[in-house]
Amino acid sequence: MPQPGCDPAQQETKRQEGYKEQMAFFKKDLEETAAEAALTPPGEVRSPSAAPARTYVAPGSHIDGSIAGEAEVLVDGSLTGNVELKGRFVLGRRGRIEADVVAQSVQVSGHVKGDIRASEKIEVLSSGSVEGNLTAPLVSIAEGGICNGRIEMSGTLAIGATPGRSYSSAAGGAGDS
């Protein structure tokens, strides 16, 4: 209902601006929820108060240097340097890094140019690509995922340990060598 003394076009413009602000806020909440979901292992539900510390590098952001620590890290921006974590490292679809990565577990949806070592597992998803070597007890490359490098696996692997099996790969998936 139009308010007395106000131009209906102005009222409509104000209403639309309010709607846009609400939608922008809602979109931010959705993006934060998506980032949290990406950092939560499948089948695990976390309450906000029990959530560990996390670091997020947003699209359009660039880090030139190293990331080290115990927090989980999600990169949707770009990074040049090194990553050394005691926790989980997630490279989102929009993420691009030129770095060696050492972490407990690594999930790649973007592009990595560098070696990746994990004490538990490495996952290269269908949109992910790695130009470098993968070293972990468990390595998974989804259909469409790319690894141009060596894949080294063993039953258990402490970072720095010598792996037991080695595979070479030149395209999607792993091939025997």
N, C-alpha and C. Protein backbone atom coordinates (compact mmCIF):
# COMPACT_ATOMS: atom_id res chain seq x y z
N MET A 1 0.84 -1.18 0.00
CA MET A 1 0.00 0.00 0.00
C MET A 1 0.89 1.24 0.00
N PRO A 2 0.67 2.15 -0.93
CA PRO A 2 1.49 3.36 -0.99
C PRO A 2 1.30 4.21 0.25
N GLN A 3 2.41 4.82 0.70
CA GLN A 3 2.35 5.71 1.84
C GLN A 3 2.02 7.11 1.34
N PRO A 4 1.18 7.86 2.09
CA PRO A 4 0.84 9.22 1.66
C PRO A 4 2.08 10.10 1.60
N GLY A 5 2.18 10.92 0.54
CA GLY A 5 3.28 11.86 0.40
C GLY A 5 4.54 11.26 -0.19
N CYS A 6 4.54 9.96 -0.54
CA CYS A 6 5.72 9.32 -1.12
C CYS A 6 5.43 8.88 -2.53
N ASP A 7 6.36 9.09 -3.39
CA ASP A 7 6.26 8.67 -4.78
C ASP A 7 6.26 7.14 -4.83
N PRO A 8 5.27 6.49 -5.48
CA PRO A 8 5.25 5.03 -5.56
C PRO A 8 6.51 4.45 -6.19
N ALA A 9 7.12 5.14 -7.13
CA ALA A 9 8.36 4.65 -7.76
C ALA A 9 9.49 4.63 -6.74
N GLN A 10 9.56 5.66 -5.88
CA GLN A 10 10.58 5.70 -4.84
C GLN A 10 10.37 4.58 -3.83
N GLN A 11 9.10 4.35 -3.48
CA GLN A 11 8.79 3.28 -2.54
C GLN A 11 9.22 1.92 -3.12
N GLU A 12 8.95 1.73 -4.39
CA GLU A 12 9.33 0.47 -5.04
C GLU A 12 10.85 0.31 -5.06
N THR A 13 11.56 1.38 -5.34
CA THR A 13 13.03 1.34 -5.36
C THR A 13 13.56 0.99 -3.97
N LYS A 14 13.01 1.62 -2.93
CA LYS A 14 13.43 1.32 -1.56
C LYS A 14 13.14 -0.13 -1.20
N ARG A 15 11.97 -0.62 -1.62
CA ARG A 15 11.60 -2.01 -1.33
C ARG A 15 12.60 -2.96 -2.00
N GLN A 16 12.95 -2.68 -3.26
CA GLN A 16 13.88 -3.53 -3.99
C GLN A 16 15.27 -3.48 -3.37
N GLU A 17 15.71 -2.30 -2.91
CA GLU A 17 17.02 -2.19 -2.27
C GLU A 17 17.05 -3.00 -0.98
N GLY A 18 15.98 -2.94 -0.21
CA GLY A 18 15.88 -3.74 1.02
C GLY A 18 15.93 -5.22 0.70
N TYR A 19 15.23 -5.63 -0.35
CA TYR A 19 15.24 -7.02 -0.78
C TYR A 19 16.65 -7.46 -1.18
N LYS A 20 17.35 -6.60 -1.94
CA LYS A 20 18.71 -6.92 -2.39
C LYS A 20 19.65 -7.08 -1.20
N GLU A 21 19.51 -6.20 -0.19
CA GLU A 21 20.34 -6.32 1.01
C GLU A 21 20.07 -7.62 1.74
N GLN A 22 18.80 -7.98 1.86
CA GLN A 22 18.45 -9.24 2.52
C GLN A 22 19.01 -10.43 1.74
N MET A 23 18.91 -10.40 0.43
CA MET A 23 19.41 -11.51 -0.39
C MET A 23 20.93 -11.59 -0.33
N ALA A 24 21.63 -10.44 -0.30
CA ALA A 24 23.08 -10.44 -0.19
C ALA A 24 23.50 -11.06 1.14
N PHE A 25 22.78 -10.70 2.20
CA PHE A 25 23.07 -11.27 3.51
C PHE A 25 22.81 -12.77 3.49
N PHE A 26 21.70 -13.19 2.90
CA PHE A 26 21.36 -14.60 2.80
C PHE A 26 22.41 -15.35 1.98
N LYS A 27 22.85 -14.75 0.86
CA LYS A 27 23.86 -15.38 0.02
C LYS A 27 25.16 -15.57 0.80
N LYS A 28 25.53 -14.58 1.61
CA LYS A 28 26.75 -14.69 2.42
C LYS A 28 26.61 -15.86 3.38
N ASP A 29 25.43 -15.98 4.01
CA ASP A 29 25.19 -17.12 4.91
C ASP A 29 25.33 -18.44 4.16
N LEU A 30 24.79 -18.51 2.93
CA LEU A 30 24.90 -19.73 2.15
C LEU A 30 26.34 -20.05 1.81
N GLU A 31 27.13 -19.01 1.44
CA GLU A 31 28.53 -19.24 1.11
C GLU A 31 29.30 -19.72 2.33
N GLU A 32 29.00 -19.14 3.50
CA GLU A 32 29.67 -19.58 4.72
C GLU A 32 29.27 -21.02 5.04
N THR A 33 28.00 -21.36 4.84
CA THR A 33 27.55 -22.72 5.08
C THR A 33 28.23 -23.68 4.11
N ALA A 34 28.39 -23.30 2.84
CA ALA A 34 29.07 -24.15 1.87
C ALA A 34 30.53 -24.35 2.25
N ALA A 35 31.18 -23.29 2.71
CA ALA A 35 32.58 -23.41 3.13
C ALA A 35 32.68 -24.34 4.33
N GLU A 36 31.76 -24.20 5.30
CA GLU A 36 31.77 -25.09 6.46
C GLU A 36 31.52 -26.53 6.04
N ALA A 37 30.59 -26.74 5.12
CA ALA A 37 30.28 -28.09 4.65
C ALA A 37 31.50 -28.71 3.98
N ALA A 38 32.23 -27.92 3.21
CA ALA A 38 33.42 -28.43 2.53
C ALA A 38 34.48 -28.86 3.52
N LEU A 39 34.51 -28.23 4.69
CA LEU A 39 35.51 -28.55 5.69
C LEU A 39 35.06 -29.61 6.69
N THR A 40 33.82 -30.07 6.58
CA THR A 40 33.31 -31.09 7.48
C THR A 40 33.36 -32.45 6.80
N PRO A 41 34.07 -33.42 7.39
CA PRO A 41 34.14 -34.73 6.76
C PRO A 41 32.76 -35.35 6.56
N PRO A 42 32.58 -36.16 5.50
CA PRO A 42 31.29 -36.78 5.24
C PRO A 42 30.80 -37.58 6.44
N GLY A 43 29.52 -37.45 6.75
CA GLY A 43 28.93 -38.21 7.85
C GLY A 43 29.15 -37.58 9.21
N GLU A 44 29.91 -36.50 9.29
CA GLU A 44 30.18 -35.86 10.57
C GLU A 44 29.36 -34.59 10.69
N VAL A 45 28.74 -34.40 11.84
CA VAL A 45 27.96 -33.20 12.10
C VAL A 45 28.65 -32.45 13.23
N ARG A 46 28.86 -31.15 13.03
CA ARG A 46 29.54 -30.37 14.05
C ARG A 46 28.63 -29.26 14.54
N SER A 47 28.64 -29.07 15.83
CA SER A 47 27.92 -27.92 16.36
C SER A 47 28.84 -26.71 16.24
N PRO A 48 28.28 -25.52 16.07
CA PRO A 48 29.12 -24.33 15.91
C PRO A 48 30.11 -24.15 17.06
N SER A 49 29.71 -24.49 18.29
CA SER A 49 30.60 -24.30 19.43
C SER A 49 31.74 -25.32 19.44
N ALA A 50 31.55 -26.48 18.79
CA ALA A 50 32.57 -27.52 18.78
C ALA A 50 33.45 -27.44 17.54
N ALA A 51 33.16 -26.52 16.64
CA ALA A 51 33.91 -26.43 15.39
C ALA A 51 35.34 -25.96 15.65
N PRO A 52 36.31 -26.61 15.00
CA PRO A 52 37.70 -26.19 15.17
C PRO A 52 37.95 -24.88 14.43
N ALA A 53 39.08 -24.29 14.70
CA ALA A 53 39.46 -23.06 13.99
C ALA A 53 39.62 -23.37 12.51
N ARG A 54 39.20 -22.43 11.66
CA ARG A 54 39.27 -22.61 10.21
C ARG A 54 39.78 -21.33 9.58
N THR A 55 40.45 -21.50 8.46
CA THR A 55 40.92 -20.37 7.68
C THR A 55 40.33 -20.47 6.29
N TYR A 56 39.83 -19.35 5.76
CA TYR A 56 39.22 -19.33 4.44
C TYR A 56 39.89 -18.24 3.61
N VAL A 57 40.38 -18.63 2.42
CA VAL A 57 40.94 -17.68 1.47
C VAL A 57 39.90 -17.55 0.36
N ALA A 58 39.27 -16.40 0.29
CA ALA A 58 38.13 -16.18 -0.61
C ALA A 58 38.57 -15.99 -2.06
N PRO A 59 37.63 -16.23 -3.01
CA PRO A 59 37.92 -15.95 -4.42
C PRO A 59 38.35 -14.49 -4.58
N GLY A 60 39.34 -14.27 -5.43
CA GLY A 60 39.84 -12.92 -5.64
C GLY A 60 40.96 -12.55 -4.69
N SER A 61 41.17 -13.36 -3.65
CA SER A 61 42.26 -13.11 -2.71
C SER A 61 43.49 -13.89 -3.15
N HIS A 62 44.67 -13.34 -2.85
CA HIS A 62 45.92 -14.03 -3.17
C HIS A 62 46.86 -13.97 -1.98
N ILE A 63 47.47 -15.10 -1.67
CA ILE A 63 48.49 -15.17 -0.62
C ILE A 63 49.80 -15.50 -1.30
N ASP A 64 50.80 -14.67 -1.03
CA ASP A 64 52.15 -14.92 -1.53
C ASP A 64 52.98 -15.20 -0.30
N GLY A 65 53.19 -16.48 0.02
CA GLY A 65 53.90 -16.86 1.23
C GLY A 65 53.47 -18.24 1.65
N SER A 66 53.52 -18.51 2.94
CA SER A 66 53.23 -19.84 3.45
C SER A 66 52.06 -19.81 4.42
N ILE A 67 51.37 -20.94 4.49
CA ILE A 67 50.32 -21.14 5.49
C ILE A 67 50.78 -22.32 6.33
N ALA A 68 50.81 -22.15 7.64
CA ALA A 68 51.19 -23.23 8.54
C ALA A 68 50.30 -23.16 9.77
N GLY A 69 50.04 -24.33 10.39
CA GLY A 69 49.26 -24.34 11.61
C GLY A 69 48.47 -25.61 11.78
N GLU A 70 47.52 -25.53 12.70
CA GLU A 70 46.70 -26.69 13.03
C GLU A 70 45.28 -26.57 12.49
N ALA A 71 44.88 -25.38 12.06
CA ALA A 71 43.51 -25.15 11.60
C ALA A 71 43.26 -25.79 10.25
N GLU A 72 41.99 -26.08 9.98
CA GLU A 72 41.59 -26.51 8.65
C GLU A 72 41.63 -25.29 7.74
N VAL A 73 42.01 -25.49 6.48
CA VAL A 73 42.14 -24.37 5.55
C VAL A 73 41.37 -24.68 4.28
N LEU A 74 40.56 -23.71 3.82
CA LEU A 74 39.85 -23.81 2.55
C LEU A 74 40.32 -22.66 1.68
N VAL A 75 40.84 -22.98 0.49
CA VAL A 75 41.32 -21.95 -0.43
C VAL A 75 40.46 -21.94 -1.68
N ASP A 76 39.78 -20.81 -1.92
CA ASP A 76 39.04 -20.59 -3.16
C ASP A 76 39.71 -19.47 -3.96
N GLY A 77 40.76 -18.91 -3.40
CA GLY A 77 41.53 -17.86 -4.07
C GLY A 77 42.79 -18.48 -4.65
N SER A 78 43.89 -17.74 -4.59
CA SER A 78 45.15 -18.27 -5.10
C SER A 78 46.24 -18.14 -4.05
N LEU A 79 47.24 -19.01 -4.17
CA LEU A 79 48.33 -19.08 -3.21
C LEU A 79 49.60 -19.44 -3.94
N THR A 80 50.67 -18.72 -3.64
CA THR A 80 52.00 -19.07 -4.13
C THR A 80 52.86 -19.19 -2.89
N GLY A 81 53.46 -20.35 -2.68
CA GLY A 81 54.28 -20.56 -1.49
C GLY A 81 54.21 -22.00 -1.05
N ASN A 82 53.94 -22.23 0.23
CA ASN A 82 53.85 -23.57 0.78
C ASN A 82 52.73 -23.65 1.80
N VAL A 83 52.23 -24.88 1.99
CA VAL A 83 51.20 -25.13 2.98
C VAL A 83 51.68 -26.28 3.85
N GLU A 84 51.69 -26.08 5.17
CA GLU A 84 52.06 -27.14 6.10
C GLU A 84 51.09 -27.11 7.27
N LEU A 85 50.19 -28.10 7.29
CA LEU A 85 49.11 -28.13 8.28
C LEU A 85 49.08 -29.45 9.03
N LYS A 86 48.62 -29.38 10.26
CA LYS A 86 48.35 -30.60 11.01
C LYS A 86 46.92 -31.05 10.78
N GLY A 87 46.12 -30.18 10.20
CA GLY A 87 44.71 -30.46 9.92
C GLY A 87 44.47 -30.74 8.45
N ARG A 88 43.28 -30.41 8.02
CA ARG A 88 42.80 -30.70 6.66
C ARG A 88 42.99 -29.49 5.76
N PHE A 89 43.34 -29.74 4.50
CA PHE A 89 43.47 -28.69 3.50
C PHE A 89 42.50 -28.97 2.37
N VAL A 90 41.68 -27.97 2.02
CA VAL A 90 40.69 -28.10 0.95
C VAL A 90 40.95 -27.01 -0.08
N LEU A 91 41.14 -27.42 -1.33
CA LEU A 91 41.27 -26.47 -2.43
C LEU A 91 39.96 -26.50 -3.20
N GLY A 92 39.22 -25.40 -3.13
CA GLY A 92 37.92 -25.31 -3.79
C GLY A 92 38.05 -25.23 -5.30
N ARG A 93 36.92 -25.34 -6.00
CA ARG A 93 36.89 -25.31 -7.48
C ARG A 93 37.58 -24.09 -8.06
N ARG A 94 37.42 -22.94 -7.41
CA ARG A 94 38.01 -21.71 -7.92
C ARG A 94 39.45 -21.50 -7.44
N GLY A 95 39.93 -22.40 -6.58
CA GLY A 95 41.26 -22.26 -6.02
C GLY A 95 42.37 -22.65 -7.00
N ARG A 96 43.44 -21.88 -6.96
CA ARG A 96 44.61 -22.12 -7.79
C ARG A 96 45.83 -21.91 -6.92
N ILE A 97 46.67 -22.95 -6.78
CA ILE A 97 47.86 -22.77 -5.97
C ILE A 97 49.09 -23.28 -6.70
N GLU A 98 50.19 -22.60 -6.44
CA GLU A 98 51.50 -23.04 -6.87
C GLU A 98 52.29 -23.21 -5.58
N ALA A 99 52.21 -24.42 -5.02
CA ALA A 99 52.76 -24.65 -3.69
C ALA A 99 52.90 -26.14 -3.43
N ASP A 100 53.82 -26.50 -2.55
CA ASP A 100 53.87 -27.85 -2.01
C ASP A 100 52.94 -27.85 -0.80
N VAL A 101 52.18 -28.95 -0.65
CA VAL A 101 51.20 -29.05 0.43
C VAL A 101 51.53 -30.25 1.29
N VAL A 102 51.59 -30.05 2.59
CA VAL A 102 51.75 -31.13 3.57
C VAL A 102 50.63 -30.95 4.59
N ALA A 103 49.78 -31.99 4.74
CA ALA A 103 48.66 -31.89 5.66
C ALA A 103 48.21 -33.28 6.09
N GLN A 104 47.29 -33.32 7.04
CA GLN A 104 46.71 -34.59 7.48
C GLN A 104 45.91 -35.21 6.34
N SER A 105 45.03 -34.41 5.73
CA SER A 105 44.29 -34.87 4.56
C SER A 105 44.13 -33.69 3.61
N VAL A 106 44.01 -33.99 2.32
CA VAL A 106 43.94 -32.96 1.30
C VAL A 106 42.83 -33.30 0.33
N GLN A 107 41.99 -32.32 0.00
CA GLN A 107 40.94 -32.48 -1.00
C GLN A 107 41.14 -31.40 -2.06
N VAL A 108 41.23 -31.83 -3.34
CA VAL A 108 41.52 -30.91 -4.43
C VAL A 108 40.35 -30.86 -5.41
N SER A 109 39.75 -29.66 -5.55
CA SER A 109 38.74 -29.42 -6.57
C SER A 109 39.23 -28.41 -7.59
N GLY A 110 40.28 -27.66 -7.25
CA GLY A 110 40.85 -26.65 -8.13
C GLY A 110 42.12 -27.16 -8.78
N HIS A 111 43.11 -26.27 -8.96
CA HIS A 111 44.35 -26.63 -9.65
C HIS A 111 45.56 -26.44 -8.72
N VAL A 112 46.41 -27.48 -8.64
CA VAL A 112 47.63 -27.45 -7.84
C VAL A 112 48.82 -27.66 -8.76
N LYS A 113 49.80 -26.80 -8.62
CA LYS A 113 51.09 -27.02 -9.27
C LYS A 113 52.09 -27.15 -8.13
N GLY A 114 52.42 -28.41 -7.79
CA GLY A 114 53.30 -28.69 -6.67
C GLY A 114 53.01 -30.08 -6.13
N ASP A 115 53.85 -30.54 -5.23
CA ASP A 115 53.69 -31.87 -4.63
C ASP A 115 52.75 -31.80 -3.44
N ILE A 116 52.02 -32.91 -3.22
CA ILE A 116 51.10 -33.00 -2.09
C ILE A 116 51.46 -34.24 -1.28
N ARG A 117 51.63 -34.06 0.02
CA ARG A 117 51.86 -35.18 0.94
C ARG A 117 50.82 -35.10 2.05
N ALA A 118 50.21 -36.25 2.37
CA ALA A 118 49.21 -36.29 3.44
C ALA A 118 49.46 -37.50 4.32
N SER A 119 49.25 -37.34 5.62
CA SER A 119 49.45 -38.46 6.54
C SER A 119 48.26 -39.42 6.51
N GLU A 120 47.09 -38.97 6.02
CA GLU A 120 45.92 -39.85 5.95
C GLU A 120 45.49 -40.11 4.51
N LYS A 121 45.03 -39.06 3.80
CA LYS A 121 44.53 -39.30 2.44
C LYS A 121 44.57 -38.05 1.59
N ILE A 122 44.58 -38.29 0.26
CA ILE A 122 44.48 -37.23 -0.74
C ILE A 122 43.32 -37.58 -1.64
N GLU A 123 42.42 -36.62 -1.88
CA GLU A 123 41.31 -36.80 -2.81
C GLU A 123 41.41 -35.75 -3.90
N VAL A 124 41.46 -36.20 -5.16
CA VAL A 124 41.38 -35.28 -6.29
C VAL A 124 39.99 -35.47 -6.87
N LEU A 125 39.15 -34.47 -6.75
CA LEU A 125 37.78 -34.58 -7.21
C LEU A 125 37.70 -34.36 -8.72
N SER A 126 36.53 -34.56 -9.30
CA SER A 126 36.37 -34.53 -10.76
C SER A 126 36.80 -33.21 -11.39
N SER A 127 36.71 -32.10 -10.66
CA SER A 127 37.12 -30.81 -11.20
C SER A 127 38.57 -30.48 -10.85
N GLY A 128 39.23 -31.36 -10.11
CA GLY A 128 40.57 -31.08 -9.63
C GLY A 128 41.67 -31.52 -10.58
N SER A 129 42.80 -30.82 -10.50
CA SER A 129 43.97 -31.22 -11.27
C SER A 129 45.23 -30.93 -10.47
N VAL A 130 46.20 -31.84 -10.59
CA VAL A 130 47.46 -31.71 -9.88
C VAL A 130 48.60 -31.92 -10.86
N GLU A 131 49.51 -30.96 -10.90
CA GLU A 131 50.76 -31.10 -11.64
C GLU A 131 51.84 -31.28 -10.60
N GLY A 132 52.02 -32.52 -10.16
CA GLY A 132 52.99 -32.81 -9.12
C GLY A 132 52.76 -34.19 -8.57
N ASN A 133 53.56 -34.57 -7.60
CA ASN A 133 53.49 -35.91 -7.01
C ASN A 133 52.53 -35.94 -5.84
N LEU A 134 51.85 -37.09 -5.66
CA LEU A 134 50.93 -37.31 -4.55
C LEU A 134 51.51 -38.42 -3.68
N THR A 135 51.59 -38.18 -2.37
CA THR A 135 52.12 -39.17 -1.44
C THR A 135 51.20 -39.26 -0.23
N ALA A 136 50.57 -40.43 -0.03
CA ALA A 136 49.67 -40.65 1.11
C ALA A 136 49.34 -42.13 1.19
N PRO A 137 48.87 -42.60 2.35
CA PRO A 137 48.43 -44.00 2.44
C PRO A 137 47.22 -44.28 1.55
N LEU A 138 46.33 -43.29 1.39
CA LEU A 138 45.15 -43.43 0.55
C LEU A 138 45.12 -42.29 -0.46
N VAL A 139 44.99 -42.63 -1.74
CA VAL A 139 44.88 -41.62 -2.78
C VAL A 139 43.66 -41.96 -3.63
N SER A 140 42.81 -40.98 -3.83
CA SER A 140 41.59 -41.17 -4.62
C SER A 140 41.55 -40.10 -5.70
N ILE A 141 41.37 -40.55 -6.96
CA ILE A 141 41.21 -39.61 -8.06
C ILE A 141 39.88 -39.93 -8.73
N ALA A 142 38.95 -39.00 -8.65
CA ALA A 142 37.62 -39.19 -9.23
C ALA A 142 37.71 -39.16 -10.75
N GLU A 143 36.71 -39.76 -11.39
CA GLU A 143 36.63 -39.70 -12.85
C GLU A 143 36.61 -38.24 -13.28
N GLY A 144 37.51 -37.88 -14.17
CA GLY A 144 37.63 -36.50 -14.61
C GLY A 144 38.73 -35.74 -13.88
N GLY A 145 39.13 -36.23 -12.70
CA GLY A 145 40.24 -35.63 -11.97
C GLY A 145 41.55 -35.92 -12.69
N ILE A 146 42.51 -35.02 -12.57
CA ILE A 146 43.77 -35.16 -13.31
C ILE A 146 44.95 -35.13 -12.36
N CYS A 147 45.89 -36.04 -12.59
CA CYS A 147 47.16 -36.03 -11.87
C CYS A 147 48.26 -36.24 -12.89
N ASN A 148 49.12 -35.25 -13.05
CA ASN A 148 50.30 -35.37 -13.90
C ASN A 148 51.50 -35.44 -12.97
N GLY A 149 51.83 -36.65 -12.55
CA GLY A 149 52.93 -36.85 -11.61
C GLY A 149 52.90 -38.26 -11.08
N ARG A 150 53.71 -38.51 -10.09
CA ARG A 150 53.78 -39.84 -9.46
C ARG A 150 52.80 -39.92 -8.31
N ILE A 151 52.29 -41.12 -8.07
CA ILE A 151 51.43 -41.37 -6.93
C ILE A 151 52.12 -42.43 -6.09
N GLU A 152 52.38 -42.11 -4.83
CA GLU A 152 53.06 -43.04 -3.93
C GLU A 152 52.13 -43.32 -2.75
N MET A 153 51.93 -44.66 -2.51
CA MET A 153 51.01 -45.07 -1.45
C MET A 153 51.66 -46.13 -0.57
N SER A 154 51.29 -46.14 0.71
CA SER A 154 51.69 -47.20 1.63
C SER A 154 50.58 -47.37 2.65
N GLY A 155 50.63 -48.45 3.42
CA GLY A 155 49.57 -48.71 4.40
C GLY A 155 49.45 -47.60 5.43
N THR A 156 50.56 -47.16 5.97
CA THR A 156 50.58 -46.03 6.90
C THR A 156 51.75 -45.16 6.49
N LEU A 157 51.61 -43.88 6.68
CA LEU A 157 52.66 -42.97 6.24
C LEU A 157 52.77 -41.81 7.21
N ALA A 158 53.92 -41.72 7.80
CA ALA A 158 54.22 -40.51 8.57
C ALA A 158 54.85 -39.55 7.59
N ILE A 159 54.58 -38.29 7.73
CA ILE A 159 55.16 -37.32 6.80
C ILE A 159 56.67 -37.47 6.85
N GLY A 160 57.28 -37.63 5.70
CA GLY A 160 58.73 -37.82 5.61
C GLY A 160 59.13 -39.28 5.48
N ALA A 161 58.17 -40.21 5.68
CA ALA A 161 58.49 -41.64 5.57
C ALA A 161 58.60 -42.04 4.11
N THR A 162 59.28 -43.16 3.86
CA THR A 162 59.42 -43.67 2.50
C THR A 162 58.20 -44.53 2.17
N PRO A 163 57.48 -44.22 1.11
CA PRO A 163 56.28 -44.98 0.75
C PRO A 163 56.63 -46.35 0.17
N GLY A 164 55.60 -47.23 0.16
CA GLY A 164 55.81 -48.59 -0.31
C GLY A 164 55.51 -48.82 -1.77
N ARG A 165 54.40 -48.32 -2.29
CA ARG A 165 54.01 -48.53 -3.69
C ARG A 165 54.13 -47.23 -4.45
N SER A 166 54.43 -47.33 -5.73
CA SER A 166 54.56 -46.13 -6.53
C SER A 166 53.86 -46.34 -7.86
N TYR A 167 53.12 -45.31 -8.29
CA TYR A 167 52.42 -45.35 -9.57
C TYR A 167 52.70 -44.06 -10.31
N SER A 168 52.76 -44.13 -11.61
CA SER A 168 52.93 -42.92 -12.41
C SER A 168 51.63 -42.63 -13.12
N SER A 169 51.39 -41.37 -13.39
CA SER A 169 50.16 -40.97 -14.04
C SER A 169 50.47 -39.83 -15.00
N ALA A 170 49.86 -39.88 -16.19
CA ALA A 170 50.07 -38.81 -17.16
C ALA A 170 48.77 -38.13 -17.51
N ALA A 171 47.63 -38.64 -17.08
CA ALA A 171 46.33 -38.04 -17.41
C ALA A 171 45.40 -38.30 -16.26
N GLY A 172 44.10 -38.44 -16.55
CA GLY A 172 43.12 -38.70 -15.50
C GLY A 172 43.34 -40.06 -14.90
N GLY A 173 43.26 -40.15 -13.57
CA GLY A 173 43.38 -41.42 -12.86
C GLY A 173 44.83 -41.84 -12.76
N ALA A 174 45.04 -43.02 -12.15
CA ALA A 174 46.38 -43.52 -11.92
C ALA A 174 46.62 -44.73 -12.81
N GLY A 175 47.81 -44.85 -13.30
CA GLY A 175 48.17 -46.02 -14.11
C GLY A 175 49.31 -46.74 -13.47
N ASP A 176 49.48 -48.04 -13.76
CA ASP A 176 50.58 -48.82 -13.22
C ASP A 176 51.88 -48.45 -13.87
N SER A 177 52.98 -48.55 -13.12
CA SER A 177 54.29 -48.33 -13.72
C SER A 177 55.18 -49.51 -13.50
